[in-house]
Amino acid sequence: MSSAAGGHVKQPVARKAVAVDSDVKERNRKRLRRLEGQIRGIEKMVDDNRYCADIMTQIAAAHEALRAVGRELMRNQIKHCATSAINAGGKRADGMYDELVEMLYKAAR
């Protein structure tokens, strides 16, 4: 993939979670399917020239639903991936501390 400046954008490495609780995964899948419906509804509202404040209310609801998925993923990251890396110690633990700080920073924006 190229950037607008002609350089290359580094693609993230696909990594697997150490573990994902099956009930958490199913809850997130349901939330994401519901969110997909919300987004389609927002698109229809825009197409139908609905009142801007009503559209913004739906956008806020969709945003909060996405944050709920992120919260579950962060909890899973800490419970499984971070715990495993920190227990391993050394560079793996140091890398996980940096990753957690970055995740928290992004979530706080």
PDB file of N, CA and C in Angstrom:
ATOM      1  N   MET A   1       0.848  -1.173   0.000  1.00  0.00           N
ATOM      2  CA  MET A   1       0.000   0.000   0.000  1.00  0.00           C
ATOM      3  C   MET A   1       0.889   1.230   0.000  1.00  0.00           C
ATOM      4  N   SER A   2       0.544   2.212  -0.794  1.00  0.00           N
ATOM      5  CA  SER A   2       1.331   3.437  -0.885  1.00  0.00           C
ATOM      6  C   SER A   2       0.608   4.578  -0.206  1.00  0.00           C
ATOM      7  N   SER A   3       1.372   5.476   0.362  1.00  0.00           N
ATOM      8  CA  SER A   3       0.788   6.677   0.960  1.00  0.00           C
ATOM      9  C   SER A   3       0.697   7.753  -0.106  1.00  0.00           C
ATOM     10  N   ALA A   4       0.035   8.859   0.234  1.00  0.00           N
ATOM     11  CA  ALA A   4      -0.116   9.966  -0.714  1.00  0.00           C
ATOM     12  C   ALA A   4       1.232  10.548  -1.114  1.00  0.00           C
ATOM     13  N   ALA A   5       2.212  10.458  -0.234  1.00  0.00           N
ATOM     14  CA  ALA A   5       3.527  11.024  -0.509  1.00  0.00           C
ATOM     15  C   ALA A   5       4.374  10.089  -1.368  1.00  0.00           C
ATOM     16  N   GLY A   6       3.818   8.922  -1.729  1.00  0.00           N
ATOM     17  CA  GLY A   6       4.559   8.013  -2.579  1.00  0.00           C
ATOM     18  C   GLY A   6       5.324   6.953  -1.812  1.00  0.00           C
ATOM     19  N   GLY A   7       5.361   7.056  -0.490  1.00  0.00           N
ATOM     20  CA  GLY A   7       6.036   6.052   0.319  1.00  0.00           C
ATOM     21  C   GLY A   7       5.126   4.872   0.586  1.00  0.00           C
ATOM     22  N   HIS A   8       5.626   3.935   1.322  1.00  0.00           N
ATOM     23  CA  HIS A   8       4.836   2.757   1.655  1.00  0.00           C
ATOM     24  C   HIS A   8       4.363   2.842   3.096  1.00  0.00           C
ATOM     25  N   VAL A   9       3.123   2.407   3.302  1.00  0.00           N
ATOM     26  CA  VAL A   9       2.550   2.362   4.636  1.00  0.00           C
ATOM     27  C   VAL A   9       2.762   0.959   5.173  1.00  0.00           C
ATOM     28  N   LYS A  10       3.330   0.850   6.347  1.00  0.00           N
ATOM     29  CA  LYS A  10       3.599  -0.445   6.950  1.00  0.00           C
ATOM     30  C   LYS A  10       2.288  -1.075   7.409  1.00  0.00           C
ATOM     31  N   GLN A  11       2.030  -2.287   6.967  1.00  0.00           N
ATOM     32  CA  GLN A  11       0.827  -3.012   7.357  1.00  0.00           C
ATOM     33  C   GLN A  11       1.077  -3.714   8.694  1.00  0.00           C
ATOM     34  N   PRO A  12       0.056  -3.724   9.570  1.00  0.00           N
ATOM     35  CA  PRO A  12       0.236  -4.401  10.848  1.00  0.00           C
ATOM     36  C   PRO A  12       0.377  -5.908  10.648  1.00  0.00           C
ATOM     37  N   VAL A  13       1.132  -6.527  11.521  1.00  0.00           N
ATOM     38  CA  VAL A  13       1.322  -7.969  11.479  1.00  0.00           C
ATOM     39  C   VAL A  13       0.087  -8.619  12.093  1.00  0.00           C
ATOM     40  N   ALA A  14      -0.479  -9.598  11.402  1.00  0.00           N
ATOM     41  CA  ALA A  14      -1.653 -10.303  11.927  1.00  0.00           C
ATOM     42  C   ALA A  14      -1.194 -11.245  13.036  1.00  0.00           C
ATOM     43  N   ARG A  15      -1.660 -10.966  14.243  1.00  0.00           N
ATOM     44  CA  ARG A  15      -1.313 -11.806  15.386  1.00  0.00           C
ATOM     45  C   ARG A  15      -2.583 -12.420  15.941  1.00  0.00           C
ATOM     46  N   LYS A  16      -2.460 -13.526  16.635  1.00  0.00           N
ATOM     47  CA  LYS A  16      -3.600 -14.195  17.256  1.00  0.00           C
ATOM     48  C   LYS A  16      -3.583 -13.918  18.748  1.00  0.00           C
ATOM     49  N   ALA A  17      -4.766 -13.826  19.323  1.00  0.00           N
ATOM     50  CA  ALA A  17      -4.889 -13.669  20.771  1.00  0.00           C
ATOM     51  C   ALA A  17      -4.441 -14.959  21.442  1.00  0.00           C
ATOM     52  N   VAL A  18      -3.872 -14.829  22.632  1.00  0.00           N
ATOM     53  CA  VAL A  18      -3.492 -16.005  23.413  1.00  0.00           C
ATOM     54  C   VAL A  18      -4.741 -16.833  23.698  1.00  0.00           C
ATOM     55  N   ALA A  19      -5.827 -16.165  24.059  1.00  0.00           N
ATOM     56  CA  ALA A  19      -7.114 -16.825  24.320  1.00  0.00           C
ATOM     57  C   ALA A  19      -8.217 -15.786  24.220  1.00  0.00           C
ATOM     58  N   VAL A  20      -9.398 -16.243  23.871  1.00  0.00           N
ATOM     59  CA  VAL A  20     -10.579 -15.383  23.864  1.00  0.00           C
ATOM     60  C   VAL A  20     -11.703 -16.194  24.488  1.00  0.00           C
ATOM     61  N   ASP A  21     -12.314 -15.654  25.538  1.00  0.00           N
ATOM     62  CA  ASP A  21     -13.438 -16.338  26.159  1.00  0.00           C
ATOM     63  C   ASP A  21     -14.569 -16.428  25.143  1.00  0.00           C
ATOM     64  N   SER A  22     -15.142 -17.622  24.973  1.00  0.00           N
ATOM     65  CA  SER A  22     -16.167 -17.819  23.944  1.00  0.00           C
ATOM     66  C   SER A  22     -17.397 -16.949  24.171  1.00  0.00           C
ATOM     67  N   ASP A  23     -17.784 -16.724  25.427  1.00  0.00           N
ATOM     68  CA  ASP A  23     -18.949 -15.869  25.682  1.00  0.00           C
ATOM     69  C   ASP A  23     -18.656 -14.416  25.315  1.00  0.00           C
ATOM     70  N   VAL A  24     -17.433 -13.974  25.544  1.00  0.00           N
ATOM     71  CA  VAL A  24     -17.029 -12.611  25.169  1.00  0.00           C
ATOM     72  C   VAL A  24     -17.046 -12.475  23.649  1.00  0.00           C
ATOM     73  N   LYS A  25     -16.509 -13.469  22.974  1.00  0.00           N
ATOM     74  CA  LYS A  25     -16.486 -13.437  21.509  1.00  0.00           C
ATOM     75  C   LYS A  25     -17.909 -13.356  20.960  1.00  0.00           C
ATOM     76  N   GLU A  26     -18.816 -14.158  21.508  1.00  0.00           N
ATOM     77  CA  GLU A  26     -20.196 -14.150  21.016  1.00  0.00           C
ATOM     78  C   GLU A  26     -20.885 -12.820  21.314  1.00  0.00           C
ATOM     79  N   ARG A  27     -20.659 -12.269  22.496  1.00  0.00           N
ATOM     80  CA  ARG A  27     -21.233 -10.954  22.820  1.00  0.00           C
ATOM     81  C   ARG A  27     -20.733  -9.889  21.851  1.00  0.00           C
ATOM     82  N   ASN A  28     -19.441  -9.928  21.559  1.00  0.00           N
ATOM     83  CA  ASN A  28     -18.871  -8.948  20.626  1.00  0.00           C
ATOM     84  C   ASN A  28     -19.431  -9.132  19.222  1.00  0.00           C
ATOM     85  N   ARG A  29     -19.599 -10.374  18.795  1.00  0.00           N
ATOM     86  CA  ARG A  29     -20.175 -10.622  17.470  1.00  0.00           C
ATOM     87  C   ARG A  29     -21.593 -10.058  17.395  1.00  0.00           C
ATOM     88  N   LYS A  30     -22.384 -10.261  18.445  1.00  0.00           N
ATOM     89  CA  LYS A  30     -23.753  -9.723  18.472  1.00  0.00           C
ATOM     90  C   LYS A  30     -23.734  -8.200  18.445  1.00  0.00           C
ATOM     91  N   ARG A  31     -22.844  -7.607  19.238  1.00  0.00           N
ATOM     92  CA  ARG A  31     -22.741  -6.146  19.246  1.00  0.00           C
ATOM     93  C   ARG A  31     -22.363  -5.615  17.869  1.00  0.00           C
ATOM     94  N   LEU A  32     -21.423  -6.285  17.220  1.00  0.00           N
ATOM     95  CA  LEU A  32     -20.972  -5.831  15.904  1.00  0.00           C
ATOM     96  C   LEU A  32     -22.070  -5.984  14.853  1.00  0.00           C
ATOM     97  N   ARG A  33     -22.853  -7.049  14.939  1.00  0.00           N
ATOM     98  CA  ARG A  33     -23.975  -7.204  13.998  1.00  0.00           C
ATOM     99  C   ARG A  33     -25.015  -6.109  14.233  1.00  0.00           C
ATOM    100  N   ARG A  34     -25.293  -5.816  15.506  1.00  0.00           N
ATOM    101  CA  ARG A  34     -26.234  -4.751  15.834  1.00  0.00           C
ATOM    102  C   ARG A  34     -25.691  -3.407  15.335  1.00  0.00           C
ATOM    103  N   LEU A  35     -24.405  -3.199  15.523  1.00  0.00           N
ATOM    104  CA  LEU A  35     -23.761  -1.962  15.079  1.00  0.00           C
ATOM    105  C   LEU A  35     -23.844  -1.820  13.558  1.00  0.00           C
ATOM    106  N   GLU A  36     -23.661  -2.927  12.866  1.00  0.00           N
ATOM    107  CA  GLU A  36     -23.781  -2.907  11.408  1.00  0.00           C
ATOM    108  C   GLU A  36     -25.178  -2.422  11.005  1.00  0.00           C
ATOM    109  N   GLY A  37     -26.196  -2.899  11.702  1.00  0.00           N
ATOM    110  CA  GLY A  37     -27.560  -2.445  11.439  1.00  0.00           C
ATOM    111  C   GLY A  37     -27.738  -0.970  11.758  1.00  0.00           C
ATOM    112  N   GLN A  38     -27.122  -0.524  12.857  1.00  0.00           N
ATOM    113  CA  GLN A  38     -27.195   0.894  13.213  1.00  0.00           C
ATOM    114  C   GLN A  38     -26.578   1.763  12.118  1.00  0.00           C
ATOM    115  N   ILE A  39     -25.451   1.335  11.601  1.00  0.00           N
ATOM    116  CA  ILE A  39     -24.765   2.105  10.554  1.00  0.00           C
ATOM    117  C   ILE A  39     -25.634   2.171   9.296  1.00  0.00           C
ATOM    118  N   ARG A  40     -26.247   1.045   8.933  1.00  0.00           N
ATOM    119  CA  ARG A  40     -27.154   1.068   7.773  1.00  0.00           C
ATOM    120  C   ARG A  40     -28.323   2.015   8.031  1.00  0.00           C
ATOM    121  N   GLY A  41     -28.822   2.024   9.270  1.00  0.00           N
ATOM    122  CA  GLY A  41     -29.905   2.940   9.622  1.00  0.00           C
ATOM    123  C   GLY A  41     -29.483   4.393   9.512  1.00  0.00           C
ATOM    124  N   ILE A  42     -28.269   4.690   9.940  1.00  0.00           N
ATOM    125  CA  ILE A  42     -27.745   6.058   9.829  1.00  0.00           C
ATOM    126  C   ILE A  42     -27.619   6.451   8.360  1.00  0.00           C
ATOM    127  N   GLU A  43     -27.122   5.535   7.556  1.00  0.00           N
ATOM    128  CA  GLU A  43     -27.002   5.812   6.119  1.00  0.00           C
ATOM    129  C   GLU A  43     -28.375   6.133   5.521  1.00  0.00           C
ATOM    130  N   LYS A  44     -29.394   5.376   5.911  1.00  0.00           N
ATOM    131  CA  LYS A  44     -30.750   5.630   5.412  1.00  0.00           C
ATOM    132  C   LYS A  44     -31.251   6.987   5.894  1.00  0.00           C
ATOM    133  N   MET A  45     -30.941   7.330   7.144  1.00  0.00           N
ATOM    134  CA  MET A  45     -31.346   8.640   7.662  1.00  0.00           C
ATOM    135  C   MET A  45     -30.730   9.763   6.828  1.00  0.00           C
ATOM    136  N   VAL A  46     -29.458   9.601   6.474  1.00  0.00           N
ATOM    137  CA  VAL A  46     -28.778  10.607   5.641  1.00  0.00           C
ATOM    138  C   VAL A  46     -29.449  10.666   4.270  1.00  0.00           C
ATOM    139  N   ASP A  47     -29.687   9.491   3.676  1.00  0.00           N
ATOM    140  CA  ASP A  47     -30.342   9.447   2.361  1.00  0.00           C
ATOM    141  C   ASP A  47     -31.721  10.097   2.393  1.00  0.00           C
ATOM    142  N   ASP A  48     -32.418   9.951   3.524  1.00  0.00           N
ATOM    143  CA  ASP A  48     -33.779  10.490   3.661  1.00  0.00           C
ATOM    144  C   ASP A  48     -33.807  11.939   4.147  1.00  0.00           C
ATOM    145  N   ASN A  49     -32.622  12.565   4.227  1.00  0.00           N
ATOM    146  CA  ASN A  49     -32.518  13.962   4.689  1.00  0.00           C
ATOM    147  C   ASN A  49     -33.157  14.176   6.060  1.00  0.00           C
ATOM    148  N   ARG A  50     -32.923  13.227   6.962  1.00  0.00           N
ATOM    149  CA  ARG A  50     -33.480  13.345   8.304  1.00  0.00           C
ATOM    150  C   ARG A  50     -32.798  14.475   9.055  1.00  0.00           C
ATOM    151  N   TYR A  51     -33.424  14.907  10.109  1.00  0.00           N
ATOM    152  CA  TYR A  51     -32.953  16.012  10.942  1.00  0.00           C
ATOM    153  C   TYR A  51     -31.558  15.689  11.490  1.00  0.00           C
ATOM    154  N   CYS A  52     -30.634  16.627  11.335  1.00  0.00           N
ATOM    155  CA  CYS A  52     -29.224  16.405  11.695  1.00  0.00           C
ATOM    156  C   CYS A  52     -29.046  15.980  13.149  1.00  0.00           C
ATOM    157  N   ALA A  53     -29.785  16.601  14.059  1.00  0.00           N
ATOM    158  CA  ALA A  53     -29.646  16.251  15.476  1.00  0.00           C
ATOM    159  C   ALA A  53     -30.052  14.796  15.717  1.00  0.00           C
ATOM    160  N   ASP A  54     -31.053  14.308  14.990  1.00  0.00           N
ATOM    161  CA  ASP A  54     -31.467  12.909  15.125  1.00  0.00           C
ATOM    162  C   ASP A  54     -30.381  11.967  14.608  1.00  0.00           C
ATOM    163  N   ILE A  55     -29.759  12.349  13.509  1.00  0.00           N
ATOM    164  CA  ILE A  55     -28.661  11.543  12.962  1.00  0.00           C
ATOM    165  C   ILE A  55     -27.500  11.520  13.951  1.00  0.00           C
ATOM    166  N   MET A  56     -27.172  12.667  14.515  1.00  0.00           N
ATOM    167  CA  MET A  56     -26.070  12.740  15.483  1.00  0.00           C
ATOM    168  C   MET A  56     -26.352  11.875  16.711  1.00  0.00           C
ATOM    169  N   THR A  57     -27.613  11.810  17.134  1.00  0.00           N
ATOM    170  CA  THR A  57     -27.978  10.944  18.259  1.00  0.00           C
ATOM    171  C   THR A  57     -27.681   9.490  17.918  1.00  0.00           C
ATOM    172  N   GLN A  58     -28.010   9.077  16.705  1.00  0.00           N
ATOM    173  CA  GLN A  58     -27.745   7.702  16.286  1.00  0.00           C
ATOM    174  C   GLN A  58     -26.247   7.440  16.132  1.00  0.00           C
ATOM    175  N   ILE A  59     -25.513   8.431  15.665  1.00  0.00           N
ATOM    176  CA  ILE A  59     -24.053   8.294  15.560  1.00  0.00           C
ATOM    177  C   ILE A  59     -23.451   8.113  16.950  1.00  0.00           C
ATOM    178  N   ALA A  60     -23.928   8.877  17.918  1.00  0.00           N
ATOM    179  CA  ALA A  60     -23.427   8.751  19.291  1.00  0.00           C
ATOM    180  C   ALA A  60     -23.716   7.357  19.841  1.00  0.00           C
ATOM    181  N   ALA A  61     -24.899   6.824  19.556  1.00  0.00           N
ATOM    182  CA  ALA A  61     -25.250   5.480  20.022  1.00  0.00           C
ATOM    183  C   ALA A  61     -24.345   4.430  19.373  1.00  0.00           C
ATOM    184  N   ALA A  62     -24.078   4.576  18.083  1.00  0.00           N
ATOM    185  CA  ALA A  62     -23.197   3.643  17.382  1.00  0.00           C
ATOM    186  C   ALA A  62     -21.775   3.734  17.925  1.00  0.00           C
ATOM    187  N   HIS A  63     -21.334   4.940  18.190  1.00  0.00           N
ATOM    188  CA  HIS A  63     -19.994   5.145  18.750  1.00  0.00           C
ATOM    189  C   HIS A  63     -19.874   4.441  20.107  1.00  0.00           C
ATOM    190  N   GLU A  64     -20.881   4.574  20.936  1.00  0.00           N
ATOM    191  CA  GLU A  64     -20.853   3.936  22.259  1.00  0.00           C
ATOM    192  C   GLU A  64     -20.872   2.412  22.128  1.00  0.00           C
ATOM    193  N   ALA A  65     -21.617   1.896  21.161  1.00  0.00           N
ATOM    194  CA  ALA A  65     -21.637   0.448  20.935  1.00  0.00           C
ATOM    195  C   ALA A  65     -20.255  -0.053  20.520  1.00  0.00           C
ATOM    196  N   LEU A  66     -19.576   0.702  19.691  1.00  0.00           N
ATOM    197  CA  LEU A  66     -18.224   0.330  19.272  1.00  0.00           C
ATOM    198  C   LEU A  66     -17.253   0.406  20.449  1.00  0.00           C
ATOM    199  N   ARG A  67     -17.424   1.408  21.300  1.00  0.00           N
ATOM    200  CA  ARG A  67     -16.587   1.518  22.501  1.00  0.00           C
ATOM    201  C   ARG A  67     -16.801   0.317  23.425  1.00  0.00           C
ATOM    202  N   ALA A  68     -18.025  -0.191  23.491  1.00  0.00           N
ATOM    203  CA  ALA A  68     -18.308  -1.363  24.325  1.00  0.00           C
ATOM    204  C   ALA A  68     -17.544  -2.582  23.817  1.00  0.00           C
ATOM    205  N   VAL A  69     -17.464  -2.742  22.508  1.00  0.00           N
ATOM    206  CA  VAL A  69     -16.670  -3.830  21.935  1.00  0.00           C
ATOM    207  C   VAL A  69     -15.198  -3.627  22.299  1.00  0.00           C
ATOM    208  N   GLY A  70     -14.713  -2.413  22.166  1.00  0.00           N
ATOM    209  CA  GLY A  70     -13.325  -2.112  22.518  1.00  0.00           C
ATOM    210  C   GLY A  70     -13.023  -2.397  23.973  1.00  0.00           C
ATOM    211  N   ARG A  71     -13.966  -2.082  24.845  1.00  0.00           N
ATOM    212  CA  ARG A  71     -13.790  -2.336  26.279  1.00  0.00           C
ATOM    213  C   ARG A  71     -13.651  -3.841  26.534  1.00  0.00           C
ATOM    214  N   GLU A  72     -14.489  -4.639  25.884  1.00  0.00           N
ATOM    215  CA  GLU A  72     -14.401  -6.099  26.030  1.00  0.00           C
ATOM    216  C   GLU A  72     -13.074  -6.628  25.493  1.00  0.00           C
ATOM    217  N   LEU A  73     -12.645  -6.083  24.357  1.00  0.00           N
ATOM    218  CA  LEU A  73     -11.375  -6.527  23.781  1.00  0.00           C
ATOM    219  C   LEU A  73     -10.199  -6.147  24.675  1.00  0.00           C
ATOM    220  N   MET A  74     -10.262  -4.958  25.265  1.00  0.00           N
ATOM    221  CA  MET A  74      -9.187  -4.543  26.160  1.00  0.00           C
ATOM    222  C   MET A  74      -9.135  -5.453  27.388  1.00  0.00           C
ATOM    223  N   ARG A  75     -10.301  -5.785  27.926  1.00  0.00           N
ATOM    224  CA  ARG A  75     -10.350  -6.680  29.083  1.00  0.00           C
ATOM    225  C   ARG A  75      -9.739  -8.036  28.722  1.00  0.00           C
ATOM    226  N   ASN A  76     -10.088  -8.556  27.538  1.00  0.00           N
ATOM    227  CA  ASN A  76      -9.531  -9.831  27.099  1.00  0.00           C
ATOM    228  C   ASN A  76      -8.017  -9.724  26.924  1.00  0.00           C
ATOM    229  N   GLN A  77      -7.562  -8.608  26.369  1.00  0.00           N
ATOM    230  CA  GLN A  77      -6.122  -8.400  26.182  1.00  0.00           C
ATOM    231  C   GLN A  77      -5.391  -8.462  27.516  1.00  0.00           C
ATOM    232  N   ILE A  78      -5.945  -7.788  28.504  1.00  0.00           N
ATOM    233  CA  ILE A  78      -5.302  -7.771  29.823  1.00  0.00           C
ATOM    234  C   ILE A  78      -5.389  -9.144  30.479  1.00  0.00           C
ATOM    235  N   LYS A  79      -6.561  -9.762  30.424  1.00  0.00           N
ATOM    236  CA  LYS A  79      -6.787 -11.045  31.098  1.00  0.00           C
ATOM    237  C   LYS A  79      -5.915 -12.157  30.535  1.00  0.00           C
ATOM    238  N   HIS A  80      -5.792 -12.219  29.220  1.00  0.00           N
ATOM    239  CA  HIS A  80      -5.093 -13.348  28.608  1.00  0.00           C
ATOM    240  C   HIS A  80      -3.718 -12.972  28.060  1.00  0.00           C
ATOM    241  N   CYS A  81      -3.695 -12.090  27.077  1.00  0.00           N
ATOM    242  CA  CYS A  81      -2.444 -11.788  26.369  1.00  0.00           C
ATOM    243  C   CYS A  81      -1.426 -11.098  27.268  1.00  0.00           C
ATOM    244  N   ALA A  82      -1.867 -10.059  27.971  1.00  0.00           N
ATOM    245  CA  ALA A  82      -0.935  -9.319  28.826  1.00  0.00           C
ATOM    246  C   ALA A  82      -0.453 -10.180  29.981  1.00  0.00           C
ATOM    247  N   THR A  83      -1.360 -10.911  30.603  1.00  0.00           N
ATOM    248  CA  THR A  83      -0.973 -11.764  31.729  1.00  0.00           C
ATOM    249  C   THR A  83       0.072 -12.775  31.297  1.00  0.00           C
ATOM    250  N   SER A  84      -0.131 -13.383  30.136  1.00  0.00           N
ATOM    251  CA  SER A  84       0.824 -14.365  29.621  1.00  0.00           C
ATOM    252  C   SER A  84       2.189 -13.727  29.375  1.00  0.00           C
ATOM    253  N   ALA A  85       2.200 -12.569  28.728  1.00  0.00           N
ATOM    254  CA  ALA A  85       3.465 -11.894  28.413  1.00  0.00           C
ATOM    255  C   ALA A  85       4.175 -11.421  29.672  1.00  0.00           C
ATOM    256  N   ILE A  86       3.427 -10.871  30.604  1.00  0.00           N
ATOM    257  CA  ILE A  86       4.041 -10.361  31.836  1.00  0.00           C
ATOM    258  C   ILE A  86       4.598 -11.515  32.667  1.00  0.00           C
ATOM    259  N   ASN A  87       3.874 -12.620  32.721  1.00  0.00           N
ATOM    260  CA  ASN A  87       4.376 -13.791  33.447  1.00  0.00           C
ATOM    261  C   ASN A  87       5.628 -14.362  32.799  1.00  0.00           C
ATOM    262  N   ALA A  88       5.753 -14.215  31.474  1.00  0.00           N
ATOM    263  CA  ALA A  88       6.940 -14.699  30.770  1.00  0.00           C
ATOM    264  C   ALA A  88       8.160 -13.850  31.106  1.00  0.00           C
ATOM    265  N   GLY A  89       7.921 -12.573  31.405  1.00  0.00           N
ATOM    266  CA  GLY A  89       9.009 -11.679  31.788  1.00  0.00           C
ATOM    267  C   GLY A  89       9.861 -11.231  30.612  1.00  0.00           C
ATOM    268  N   GLY A  90      10.955 -10.568  30.934  1.00  0.00           N
ATOM    269  CA  GLY A  90      11.928 -10.132  29.939  1.00  0.00           C
ATOM    270  C   GLY A  90      11.378  -9.176  28.902  1.00  0.00           C
ATOM    271  N   LYS A  91      11.892  -9.320  27.664  1.00  0.00           N
ATOM    272  CA  LYS A  91      11.504  -8.426  26.573  1.00  0.00           C
ATOM    273  C   LYS A  91      10.030  -8.564  26.222  1.00  0.00           C
ATOM    274  N   ARG A  92       9.508  -9.775  26.381  1.00  0.00           N
ATOM    275  CA  ARG A  92       8.084  -9.975  26.074  1.00  0.00           C
ATOM    276  C   ARG A  92       7.222  -9.143  27.023  1.00  0.00           C
ATOM    277  N   ALA A  93       7.575  -9.127  28.293  1.00  0.00           N
ATOM    278  CA  ALA A  93       6.829  -8.321  29.269  1.00  0.00           C
ATOM    279  C   ALA A  93       6.998  -6.834  28.972  1.00  0.00           C
ATOM    280  N   ASP A  94       8.219  -6.417  28.693  1.00  0.00           N
ATOM    281  CA  ASP A  94       8.467  -5.003  28.385  1.00  0.00           C
ATOM    282  C   ASP A  94       7.654  -4.555  27.175  1.00  0.00           C
ATOM    283  N   GLY A  95       7.615  -5.396  26.147  1.00  0.00           N
ATOM    284  CA  GLY A  95       6.833  -5.078  24.962  1.00  0.00           C
ATOM    285  C   GLY A  95       5.348  -4.970  25.275  1.00  0.00           C
ATOM    286  N   MET A  96       4.870  -5.835  26.164  1.00  0.00           N
ATOM    287  CA  MET A  96       3.456  -5.799  26.529  1.00  0.00           C
ATOM    288  C   MET A  96       3.125  -4.542  27.316  1.00  0.00           C
ATOM    289  N   TYR A  97       4.012  -4.128  28.203  1.00  0.00           N
ATOM    290  CA  TYR A  97       3.767  -2.879  28.937  1.00  0.00           C
ATOM    291  C   TYR A  97       3.600  -1.718  27.951  1.00  0.00           C
ATOM    292  N   ASP A  98       4.486  -1.661  26.960  1.00  0.00           N
ATOM    293  CA  ASP A  98       4.391  -0.602  25.946  1.00  0.00           C
ATOM    294  C   ASP A  98       3.080  -0.707  25.168  1.00  0.00           C
ATOM    295  N   GLU A  99       2.705  -1.928  24.816  1.00  0.00           N
ATOM    296  CA  GLU A  99       1.465  -2.142  24.066  1.00  0.00           C
ATOM    297  C   GLU A  99       0.244  -1.719  24.886  1.00  0.00           C
ATOM    298  N   LEU A 100       0.231  -2.051  26.166  1.00  0.00           N
ATOM    299  CA  LEU A 100      -0.890  -1.663  27.031  1.00  0.00           C
ATOM    300  C   LEU A 100      -0.994  -0.147  27.163  1.00  0.00           C
ATOM    301  N   VAL A 101       0.142   0.510  27.323  1.00  0.00           N
ATOM    302  CA  VAL A 101       0.132   1.972  27.418  1.00  0.00           C
ATOM    303  C   VAL A 101      -0.443   2.562  26.134  1.00  0.00           C
ATOM    304  N   GLU A 102      -0.033   2.043  24.990  1.00  0.00           N
ATOM    305  CA  GLU A 102      -0.533   2.533  23.703  1.00  0.00           C
ATOM    306  C   GLU A 102      -2.038   2.284  23.568  1.00  0.00           C
ATOM    307  N   MET A 103      -2.489   1.102  23.988  1.00  0.00           N
ATOM    308  CA  MET A 103      -3.926   0.798  23.935  1.00  0.00           C
ATOM    309  C   MET A 103      -4.722   1.766  24.805  1.00  0.00           C
ATOM    310  N   LEU A 104      -4.237   2.017  26.011  1.00  0.00           N
ATOM    311  CA  LEU A 104      -4.934   2.933  26.913  1.00  0.00           C
ATOM    312  C   LEU A 104      -4.946   4.348  26.352  1.00  0.00           C
ATOM    313  N   TYR A 105      -3.834   4.747  25.761  1.00  0.00           N
ATOM    314  CA  TYR A 105      -3.753   6.075  25.153  1.00  0.00           C
ATOM    315  C   TYR A 105      -4.788   6.215  24.033  1.00  0.00           C
ATOM    316  N   LYS A 106      -4.868   5.205  23.165  1.00  0.00           N
ATOM    317  CA  LYS A 106      -5.828   5.245  22.056  1.00  0.00           C
ATOM    318  C   LYS A 106      -7.263   5.234  22.571  1.00  0.00           C
ATOM    319  N   ALA A 107      -7.527   4.445  23.595  1.00  0.00           N
ATOM    320  CA  ALA A 107      -8.887   4.347  24.137  1.00  0.00           C
ATOM    321  C   ALA A 107      -9.323   5.643  24.803  1.00  0.00           C
ATOM    322  N   ALA A 108      -8.364   6.401  25.314  1.00  0.00           N
ATOM    323  CA  ALA A 108      -8.686   7.641  26.029  1.00  0.00           C
ATOM    324  C   ALA A 108      -8.970   8.803  25.081  1.00  0.00           C
ATOM    325  N   ARG A 109      -8.668   8.660  23.819  1.00  0.00           N
ATOM    326  CA  ARG A 109      -8.890   9.750  22.859  1.00  0.00           C
ATOM    327  C   ARG A 109     -10.349   9.972  22.602  1.00  0.00           C
TER     328      ARG A 109
END
